[in-house]
């Protein structure tokens, strides 16, 4: 009788192990399907990536800095010429 219980526990243990592995496989497959669906959805919405956003942000900062530099240069030239700015 003890050997029968041991076999039964071993079988039950294998069954639970197999069920656990199957559950992990189903989880990975579901995650992959959801990720693919979200990527298709975002692609259809024409959403920019973080890298693209950061690159555009840096370009905007550089353009603003250049505008400030040019504004100061124009103001200095106008002051030198004695012209008042229209703004």
PDB file of N, CA and C in Angstrom:
ATOM      1  N   UNK A   1       0.799  -1.198   0.000  1.00  0.00           N
ATOM      2  CA  UNK A   1       0.000   0.000   0.000  1.00  0.00           C
ATOM      3  C   UNK A   1       0.851   1.276   0.000  1.00  0.00           C
ATOM      4  N   UNK A   2       1.948   1.342   0.799  1.00  0.00           N
ATOM      5  CA  UNK A   2       2.763   2.554   0.770  1.00  0.00           C
ATOM      6  C   UNK A   2       3.344   2.829  -0.606  1.00  0.00           C
ATOM      7  N   UNK A   3       3.690   1.758  -1.357  1.00  0.00           N
ATOM      8  CA  UNK A   3       4.242   1.959  -2.690  1.00  0.00           C
ATOM      9  C   UNK A   3       3.184   2.533  -3.629  1.00  0.00           C
ATOM     10  N   UNK A   4       1.960   2.147  -3.467  1.00  0.00           N
ATOM     11  CA  UNK A   4       0.869   2.668  -4.283  1.00  0.00           C
ATOM     12  C   UNK A   4       0.673   4.154  -4.021  1.00  0.00           C
ATOM     13  N   UNK A   5       0.747   4.545  -2.756  1.00  0.00           N
ATOM     14  CA  UNK A   5       0.628   5.966  -2.413  1.00  0.00           C
ATOM     15  C   UNK A   5       1.791   6.753  -3.000  1.00  0.00           C
ATOM     16  N   UNK A   6       2.978   6.170  -2.944  1.00  0.00           N
ATOM     17  CA  UNK A   6       4.150   6.849  -3.486  1.00  0.00           C
ATOM     18  C   UNK A   6       3.985   7.055  -4.982  1.00  0.00           C
ATOM     19  N   UNK A   7       3.509   6.033  -5.681  1.00  0.00           N
ATOM     20  CA  UNK A   7       3.274   6.167  -7.115  1.00  0.00           C
ATOM     21  C   UNK A   7       2.190   7.202  -7.395  1.00  0.00           C
ATOM     22  N   UNK A   8       1.149   7.199  -6.579  1.00  0.00           N
ATOM     23  CA  UNK A   8       0.056   8.138  -6.767  1.00  0.00           C
ATOM     24  C   UNK A   8       0.558   9.577  -6.558  1.00  0.00           C
ATOM     25  N   UNK A   9       1.365   9.786  -5.522  1.00  0.00           N
ATOM     26  CA  UNK A   9       1.921  11.126  -5.269  1.00  0.00           C
ATOM     27  C   UNK A   9       2.876  11.545  -6.390  1.00  0.00           C
ATOM     28  N   UNK A  10       3.677  10.602  -6.881  1.00  0.00           N
ATOM     29  CA  UNK A  10       4.570  10.901  -8.001  1.00  0.00           C
ATOM     30  C   UNK A  10       3.779  11.282  -9.241  1.00  0.00           C
ATOM     31  N   UNK A  11       2.725  10.520  -9.529  1.00  0.00           N
ATOM     32  CA  UNK A  11       1.880  10.828 -10.687  1.00  0.00           C
ATOM     33  C   UNK A  11       1.219  12.204 -10.527  1.00  0.00           C
ATOM     34  N   UNK A  12       0.726  12.447  -9.334  1.00  0.00           N
ATOM     35  CA  UNK A  12       0.077  13.738  -9.073  1.00  0.00           C
ATOM     36  C   UNK A  12       1.092  14.882  -9.199  1.00  0.00           C
ATOM     37  N   UNK A  13       2.286  14.653  -8.709  1.00  0.00           N
ATOM     38  CA  UNK A  13       3.346  15.660  -8.802  1.00  0.00           C
ATOM     39  C   UNK A  13       3.696  15.932 -10.263  1.00  0.00           C
ATOM     40  N   UNK A  14       3.828  14.898 -11.067  1.00  0.00           N
ATOM     41  CA  UNK A  14       4.107  15.084 -12.496  1.00  0.00           C
ATOM     42  C   UNK A  14       2.970  15.821 -13.195  1.00  0.00           C
ATOM     43  N   UNK A  15       1.756  15.465 -12.827  1.00  0.00           N
ATOM     44  CA  UNK A  15       0.592  16.124 -13.411  1.00  0.00           C
ATOM     45  C   UNK A  15       0.594  17.615 -13.092  1.00  0.00           C
ATOM     46  N   UNK A  16       0.874  17.967 -11.852  1.00  0.00           N
ATOM     47  CA  UNK A  16       0.911  19.382 -11.455  1.00  0.00           C
ATOM     48  C   UNK A  16       2.067  20.109 -12.140  1.00  0.00           C
ATOM     49  N   UNK A  17       3.198  19.459 -12.276  1.00  0.00           N
ATOM     50  CA  UNK A  17       4.344  20.045 -12.953  1.00  0.00           C
ATOM     51  C   UNK A  17       4.023  20.305 -14.421  1.00  0.00           C
ATOM     52  N   UNK A  18       3.409  19.334 -15.083  1.00  0.00           N
ATOM     53  CA  UNK A  18       3.018  19.500 -16.483  1.00  0.00           C
ATOM     54  C   UNK A  18       1.985  20.622 -16.639  1.00  0.00           C
ATOM     55  N   UNK A  19       1.040  20.691 -15.718  1.00  0.00           N
ATOM     56  CA  UNK A  19       0.017  21.749 -15.772  1.00  0.00           C
ATOM     57  C   UNK A  19       0.659  23.114 -15.585  1.00  0.00           C
ATOM     58  N   UNK A  20       1.638  23.184 -14.700  1.00  0.00           N
ATOM     59  CA  UNK A  20       2.343  24.446 -14.471  1.00  0.00           C
ATOM     60  C   UNK A  20       3.105  24.881 -15.719  1.00  0.00           C
ATOM     61  N   UNK A  21       3.796  23.935 -16.349  1.00  0.00           N
ATOM     62  CA  UNK A  21       4.535  24.247 -17.579  1.00  0.00           C
ATOM     63  C   UNK A  21       3.588  24.684 -18.689  1.00  0.00           C
ATOM     64  N   UNK A  22       2.436  24.020 -18.782  1.00  0.00           N
ATOM     65  CA  UNK A  22       1.457  24.385 -19.794  1.00  0.00           C
ATOM     66  C   UNK A  22       0.911  25.782 -19.522  1.00  0.00           C
ATOM     67  N   UNK A  23       0.657  26.099 -18.268  1.00  0.00           N
ATOM     68  CA  UNK A  23       0.161  27.424 -17.915  1.00  0.00           C
ATOM     69  C   UNK A  23       1.184  28.494 -18.270  1.00  0.00           C
ATOM     70  N   UNK A  24       2.459  28.225 -18.034  1.00  0.00           N
ATOM     71  CA  UNK A  24       3.511  29.186 -18.403  1.00  0.00           C
ATOM     72  C   UNK A  24       3.559  29.374 -19.916  1.00  0.00           C
ATOM     73  N   UNK A  25       3.397  28.291 -20.660  1.00  0.00           N
ATOM     74  CA  UNK A  25       3.389  28.371 -22.121  1.00  0.00           C
ATOM     75  C   UNK A  25       2.211  29.194 -22.628  1.00  0.00           C
ATOM     76  N   UNK A  26       1.050  28.967 -22.041  1.00  0.00           N
ATOM     77  CA  UNK A  26      -0.145  29.735 -22.425  1.00  0.00           C
ATOM     78  C   UNK A  26       0.065  31.202 -22.093  1.00  0.00           C
ATOM     79  N   UNK A  27       0.665  31.480 -20.953  1.00  0.00           N
ATOM     80  CA  UNK A  27       0.921  32.868 -20.552  1.00  0.00           C
ATOM     81  C   UNK A  27       1.856  33.554 -21.545  1.00  0.00           C
ATOM     82  N   UNK A  28       2.947  32.890 -21.909  1.00  0.00           N
ATOM     83  CA  UNK A  28       3.890  33.473 -22.874  1.00  0.00           C
ATOM     84  C   UNK A  28       3.216  33.724 -24.220  1.00  0.00           C
ATOM     85  N   UNK A  29       2.401  32.769 -24.647  1.00  0.00           N
ATOM     86  CA  UNK A  29       1.702  32.932 -25.924  1.00  0.00           C
ATOM     87  C   UNK A  29       0.713  34.094 -25.864  1.00  0.00           C
ATOM     88  N   UNK A  30      -0.010  34.215 -24.759  1.00  0.00           N
ATOM     89  CA  UNK A  30      -0.969  35.312 -24.603  1.00  0.00           C
ATOM     90  C   UNK A  30      -0.245  36.654 -24.559  1.00  0.00           C
ATOM     91  N   UNK A  31       0.866  36.719 -23.840  1.00  0.00           N
ATOM     92  CA  UNK A  31       1.637  37.966 -23.786  1.00  0.00           C
ATOM     93  C   UNK A  31       2.136  38.368 -25.167  1.00  0.00           C
ATOM     94  N   UNK A  32       2.610  37.385 -25.938  1.00  0.00           N
ATOM     95  CA  UNK A  32       3.085  37.670 -27.290  1.00  0.00           C
ATOM     96  C   UNK A  32       1.964  38.182 -28.180  1.00  0.00           C
ATOM     97  N   UNK A  33       0.793  37.560 -28.079  1.00  0.00           N
ATOM     98  CA  UNK A  33      -0.346  37.990 -28.899  1.00  0.00           C
ATOM     99  C   UNK A  33      -0.802  39.389 -28.507  1.00  0.00           C
ATOM    100  N   UNK A  34      -0.850  39.665 -27.219  1.00  0.00           N
ATOM    101  CA  UNK A  34      -1.272  40.996 -26.748  1.00  0.00           C
ATOM    102  C   UNK A  34      -0.259  42.047 -27.180  1.00  0.00           C
ATOM    103  N   UNK A  35       1.012  41.748 -27.048  1.00  0.00           N
ATOM    104  CA  UNK A  35       2.049  42.701 -27.444  1.00  0.00           C
ATOM    105  C   UNK A  35       1.958  43.008 -28.936  1.00  0.00           C
ATOM    106  N   UNK A  36       1.763  41.980 -29.745  1.00  0.00           N
ATOM    107  CA  UNK A  36       1.638  42.193 -31.193  1.00  0.00           C
ATOM    108  C   UNK A  36       0.417  43.049 -31.519  1.00  0.00           C
ATOM    109  N   UNK A  37      -0.683  42.806 -30.828  1.00  0.00           N
ATOM    110  CA  UNK A  37      -1.908  43.566 -31.057  1.00  0.00           C
ATOM    111  C   UNK A  37      -1.714  45.033 -30.659  1.00  0.00           C
ATOM    112  N   UNK A  38      -1.074  45.276 -29.525  1.00  0.00           N
ATOM    113  CA  UNK A  38      -0.825  46.651 -29.077  1.00  0.00           C
ATOM    114  C   UNK A  38       0.106  47.364 -30.056  1.00  0.00           C
ATOM    115  N   UNK A  39       1.135  46.672 -30.537  1.00  0.00           N
ATOM    116  CA  UNK A  39       2.049  47.276 -31.504  1.00  0.00           C
ATOM    117  C   UNK A  39       1.323  47.633 -32.801  1.00  0.00           C
ATOM    118  N   UNK A  40       0.426  46.760 -33.267  1.00  0.00           N
ATOM    119  CA  UNK A  40      -0.359  47.072 -34.470  1.00  0.00           C
ATOM    120  C   UNK A  40      -1.266  48.275 -34.226  1.00  0.00           C
ATOM    121  N   UNK A  41      -1.873  48.326 -33.055  1.00  0.00           N
ATOM    122  CA  UNK A  41      -2.763  49.437 -32.705  1.00  0.00           C
ATOM    123  C   UNK A  41      -1.993  50.755 -32.678  1.00  0.00           C
ATOM    124  N   UNK A  42      -0.845  50.765 -32.024  1.00  0.00           N
ATOM    125  CA  UNK A  42      -0.040  51.989 -31.946  1.00  0.00           C
ATOM    126  C   UNK A  42       0.496  52.385 -33.321  1.00  0.00           C
ATOM    127  N   UNK A  43       0.850  51.408 -34.119  1.00  0.00           N
ATOM    128  CA  UNK A  43       1.337  51.695 -35.463  1.00  0.00           C
ATOM    129  C   UNK A  43       0.232  52.333 -36.301  1.00  0.00           C
ATOM    130  N   UNK A  44      -0.982  51.839 -36.163  1.00  0.00           N
ATOM    131  CA  UNK A  44      -2.115  52.397 -36.906  1.00  0.00           C
ATOM    132  C   UNK A  44      -2.430  53.815 -36.454  1.00  0.00           C
ATOM    133  N   UNK A  45      -2.135  54.130 -35.183  1.00  0.00           N
ATOM    134  CA  UNK A  45      -2.397  55.475 -34.662  1.00  0.00           C
ATOM    135  C   UNK A  45      -1.291  56.450 -35.026  1.00  0.00           C
ATOM    136  N   UNK A  46      -0.217  55.956 -35.623  1.00  0.00           N
ATOM    137  CA  UNK A  46       0.921  56.785 -36.019  1.00  0.00           C
ATOM    138  C   UNK A  46       1.554  57.474 -34.809  1.00  0.00           C
ATOM    139  N   UNK A  47       1.741  56.721 -33.738  1.00  0.00           N
ATOM    140  CA  UNK A  47       2.367  57.213 -32.514  1.00  0.00           C
ATOM    141  C   UNK A  47       3.882  57.187 -32.693  1.00  0.00           C
ATOM    142  N   UNK A  48       4.560  58.245 -32.248  1.00  0.00           N
ATOM    143  CA  UNK A  48       6.014  58.294 -32.392  1.00  0.00           C
ATOM    144  C   UNK A  48       6.672  57.510 -31.264  1.00  0.00           C
ATOM    145  N   UNK A  49       7.890  57.052 -31.542  1.00  0.00           N
ATOM    146  CA  UNK A  49       8.645  56.340 -30.512  1.00  0.00           C
ATOM    147  C   UNK A  49       9.271  57.357 -29.554  1.00  0.00           C
ATOM    148  N   UNK A  50       9.711  56.881 -28.434  1.00  0.00           N
ATOM    149  CA  UNK A  50      10.362  57.744 -27.440  1.00  0.00           C
ATOM    150  C   UNK A  50      11.607  58.383 -28.037  1.00  0.00           C
ATOM    151  N   UNK A  51      12.360  57.614 -28.829  1.00  0.00           N
ATOM    152  CA  UNK A  51      13.589  58.130 -29.436  1.00  0.00           C
ATOM    153  C   UNK A  51      13.275  59.264 -30.409  1.00  0.00           C
ATOM    154  N   UNK A  52      12.218  59.092 -31.223  1.00  0.00           N
ATOM    155  CA  UNK A  52      11.829  60.145 -32.161  1.00  0.00           C
ATOM    156  C   UNK A  52      11.391  61.406 -31.417  1.00  0.00           C
ATOM    157  N   UNK A  53      10.637  61.204 -30.339  1.00  0.00           N
ATOM    158  CA  UNK A  53      10.176  62.337 -29.539  1.00  0.00           C
ATOM    159  C   UNK A  53      11.360  63.091 -28.945  1.00  0.00           C
ATOM    160  N   UNK A  54      12.302  62.363 -28.377  1.00  0.00           N
ATOM    161  CA  UNK A  54      13.467  63.008 -27.770  1.00  0.00           C
ATOM    162  C   UNK A  54      14.298  63.751 -28.807  1.00  0.00           C
ATOM    163  N   UNK A  55      14.439  63.175 -30.008  1.00  0.00           N
ATOM    164  CA  UNK A  55      15.197  63.840 -31.067  1.00  0.00           C
ATOM    165  C   UNK A  55      14.518  65.150 -31.471  1.00  0.00           C
ATOM    166  N   UNK A  56      13.209  65.135 -31.618  1.00  0.00           N
ATOM    167  CA  UNK A  56      12.474  66.357 -31.971  1.00  0.00           C
ATOM    168  C   UNK A  56      12.546  67.383 -30.840  1.00  0.00           C
ATOM    169  N   UNK A  57      12.504  66.908 -29.608  1.00  0.00           N
ATOM    170  CA  UNK A  57      12.601  67.806 -28.446  1.00  0.00           C
ATOM    171  C   UNK A  57      13.942  68.532 -28.448  1.00  0.00           C
ATOM    172  N   UNK A  58      15.026  67.769 -28.702  1.00  0.00           N
ATOM    173  CA  UNK A  58      16.358  68.370 -28.749  1.00  0.00           C
ATOM    174  C   UNK A  58      16.457  69.389 -29.890  1.00  0.00           C
ATOM    175  N   UNK A  59      15.850  69.068 -31.035  1.00  0.00           N
ATOM    176  CA  UNK A  59      15.870  70.003 -32.157  1.00  0.00           C
ATOM    177  C   UNK A  59      15.108  71.283 -31.810  1.00  0.00           C
ATOM    178  N   UNK A  60      13.979  71.166 -31.117  1.00  0.00           N
ATOM    179  CA  UNK A  60      13.193  72.340 -30.727  1.00  0.00           C
ATOM    180  C   UNK A  60      13.972  73.201 -29.730  1.00  0.00           C
ATOM    181  N   UNK A  61      14.656  72.568 -28.800  1.00  0.00           N
ATOM    182  CA  UNK A  61      15.460  73.320 -27.827  1.00  0.00           C
ATOM    183  C   UNK A  61      16.581  74.065 -28.542  1.00  0.00           C
ATOM    184  N   UNK A  62      17.243  73.390 -29.477  1.00  0.00           N
ATOM    185  CA  UNK A  62      18.325  74.028 -30.231  1.00  0.00           C
ATOM    186  C   UNK A  62      17.789  75.193 -31.061  1.00  0.00           C
ATOM    187  N   UNK A  63      16.625  75.029 -31.679  1.00  0.00           N
ATOM    188  CA  UNK A  63      16.025  76.112 -32.475  1.00  0.00           C
ATOM    189  C   UNK A  63      15.651  77.287 -31.592  1.00  0.00           C
ATOM    190  N   UNK A  64      15.106  77.023 -30.422  1.00  0.00           N
ATOM    191  CA  UNK A  64      14.747  78.106 -29.496  1.00  0.00           C
ATOM    192  C   UNK A  64      15.999  78.857 -29.034  1.00  0.00           C
ATOM    193  N   UNK A  65      17.061  78.126 -28.730  1.00  0.00           N
ATOM    194  CA  UNK A  65      18.315  78.767 -28.322  1.00  0.00           C
ATOM    195  C   UNK A  65      18.876  79.640 -29.452  1.00  0.00           C
ATOM    196  N   UNK A  66      18.801  79.133 -30.679  1.00  0.00           N
ATOM    197  CA  UNK A  66      19.280  79.894 -31.837  1.00  0.00           C
ATOM    198  C   UNK A  66      18.435  81.156 -32.031  1.00  0.00           C
ATOM    199  N   UNK A  67      17.118  81.030 -31.870  1.00  0.00           N
ATOM    200  CA  UNK A  67      16.246  82.213 -31.978  1.00  0.00           C
ATOM    201  C   UNK A  67      16.584  83.255 -30.923  1.00  0.00           C
ATOM    202  N   UNK A  68      16.834  82.819 -29.711  1.00  0.00           N
ATOM    203  CA  UNK A  68      17.206  83.755 -28.639  1.00  0.00           C
ATOM    204  C   UNK A  68      18.524  84.459 -28.976  1.00  0.00           C
ATOM    205  N   UNK A  69      19.488  83.681 -29.466  1.00  0.00           N
ATOM    206  CA  UNK A  69      20.777  84.264 -29.832  1.00  0.00           C
ATOM    207  C   UNK A  69      20.615  85.289 -30.952  1.00  0.00           C
ATOM    208  N   UNK A  70      19.831  84.957 -31.964  1.00  0.00           N
ATOM    209  CA  UNK A  70      19.612  85.883 -33.079  1.00  0.00           C
ATOM    210  C   UNK A  70      18.821  87.125 -32.637  1.00  0.00           C
ATOM    211  N   UNK A  71      17.845  86.940 -31.747  1.00  0.00           N
ATOM    212  CA  UNK A  71      17.077  88.085 -31.240  1.00  0.00           C
ATOM    213  C   UNK A  71      18.000  89.066 -30.524  1.00  0.00           C
ATOM    214  N   UNK A  72      18.882  88.546 -29.689  1.00  0.00           N
ATOM    215  CA  UNK A  72      19.812  89.419 -28.975  1.00  0.00           C
ATOM    216  C   UNK A  72      20.756  90.132 -29.950  1.00  0.00           C
ATOM    217  N   UNK A  73      21.175  89.428 -30.970  1.00  0.00           N
ATOM    218  CA  UNK A  73      22.062  90.033 -31.975  1.00  0.00           C
ATOM    219  C   UNK A  73      21.343  91.156 -32.735  1.00  0.00           C
ATOM    220  N   UNK A  74      20.080  90.905 -33.098  1.00  0.00           N
ATOM    221  CA  UNK A  74      19.297  91.939 -33.797  1.00  0.00           C
ATOM    222  C   UNK A  74      19.084  93.149 -32.894  1.00  0.00           C
ATOM    223  N   UNK A  75      18.770  92.900 -31.626  1.00  0.00           N
ATOM    224  CA  UNK A  75      18.572  94.013 -30.688  1.00  0.00           C
ATOM    225  C   UNK A  75      19.853  94.834 -30.545  1.00  0.00           C
ATOM    226  N   UNK A  76      20.993  94.160 -30.502  1.00  0.00           N
ATOM    227  CA  UNK A  76      22.264  94.874 -30.387  1.00  0.00           C
ATOM    228  C   UNK A  76      22.526  95.700 -31.642  1.00  0.00           C
ATOM    229  N   UNK A  77      22.248  95.145 -32.819  1.00  0.00           N
ATOM    230  CA  UNK A  77      22.440  95.888 -34.067  1.00  0.00           C
ATOM    231  C   UNK A  77      21.482  97.075 -34.159  1.00  0.00           C
ATOM    232  N   UNK A  78      20.227  96.871 -33.746  1.00  0.00           N
ATOM    233  CA  UNK A  78      19.258  97.966 -33.763  1.00  0.00           C
ATOM    234  C   UNK A  78      19.677  99.074 -32.801  1.00  0.00           C
ATOM    235  N   UNK A  79      20.194  98.700 -31.647  1.00  0.00           N
ATOM    236  CA  UNK A  79      20.649  99.699 -30.684  1.00  0.00           C
ATOM    237  C   UNK A  79      21.830 100.479 -31.253  1.00  0.00           C
ATOM    238  N   UNK A  80      22.673  99.798 -31.948  1.00  0.00           N
ATOM    239  CA  UNK A  80      23.845 100.430 -32.552  1.00  0.00           C
ATOM    240  C   UNK A  80      23.423 101.427 -33.640  1.00  0.00           C
ATOM    241  N   UNK A  81      22.372 101.052 -34.372  1.00  0.00           N
ATOM    242  CA  UNK A  81      21.883 101.915 -35.465  1.00  0.00           C
ATOM    243  C   UNK A  81      20.857 102.952 -34.974  1.00  0.00           C
ATOM    244  N   UNK A  82      20.374 102.787 -33.775  1.00  0.00           N
ATOM    245  CA  UNK A  82      19.390 103.716 -33.237  1.00  0.00           C
ATOM    246  C   UNK A  82      17.998 103.447 -33.766  1.00  0.00           C
ATOM    247  N   UNK A  83      17.708 102.216 -34.165  1.00  0.00           N
ATOM    248  CA  UNK A  83      16.396 101.829 -34.672  1.00  0.00           C
ATOM    249  C   UNK A  83      15.623 101.180 -33.543  1.00  0.00           C
ATOM    250  N   UNK A  84      14.321 101.506 -33.471  1.00  0.00           N
ATOM    251  CA  UNK A  84      13.482 100.863 -32.457  1.00  0.00           C
ATOM    252  C   UNK A  84      12.801  99.655 -33.074  1.00  0.00           C
ATOM    253  N   UNK A  85      12.662  98.623 -32.299  1.00  0.00           N
ATOM    254  CA  UNK A  85      12.062  97.373 -32.779  1.00  0.00           C
ATOM    255  C   UNK A  85      10.557  97.541 -32.929  1.00  0.00           C
ATOM    256  N   UNK A  86       9.974  96.840 -33.892  1.00  0.00           N
ATOM    257  CA  UNK A  86       8.527  96.914 -34.139  1.00  0.00           C
ATOM    258  C   UNK A  86       7.748  96.149 -33.077  1.00  0.00           C
ATOM    259  N   UNK A  87       8.392  95.260 -32.325  1.00  0.00           N
ATOM    260  CA  UNK A  87       7.648  94.470 -31.336  1.00  0.00           C
ATOM    261  C   UNK A  87       7.751  95.023 -29.960  1.00  0.00           C
TER     262      UNK A  87
END
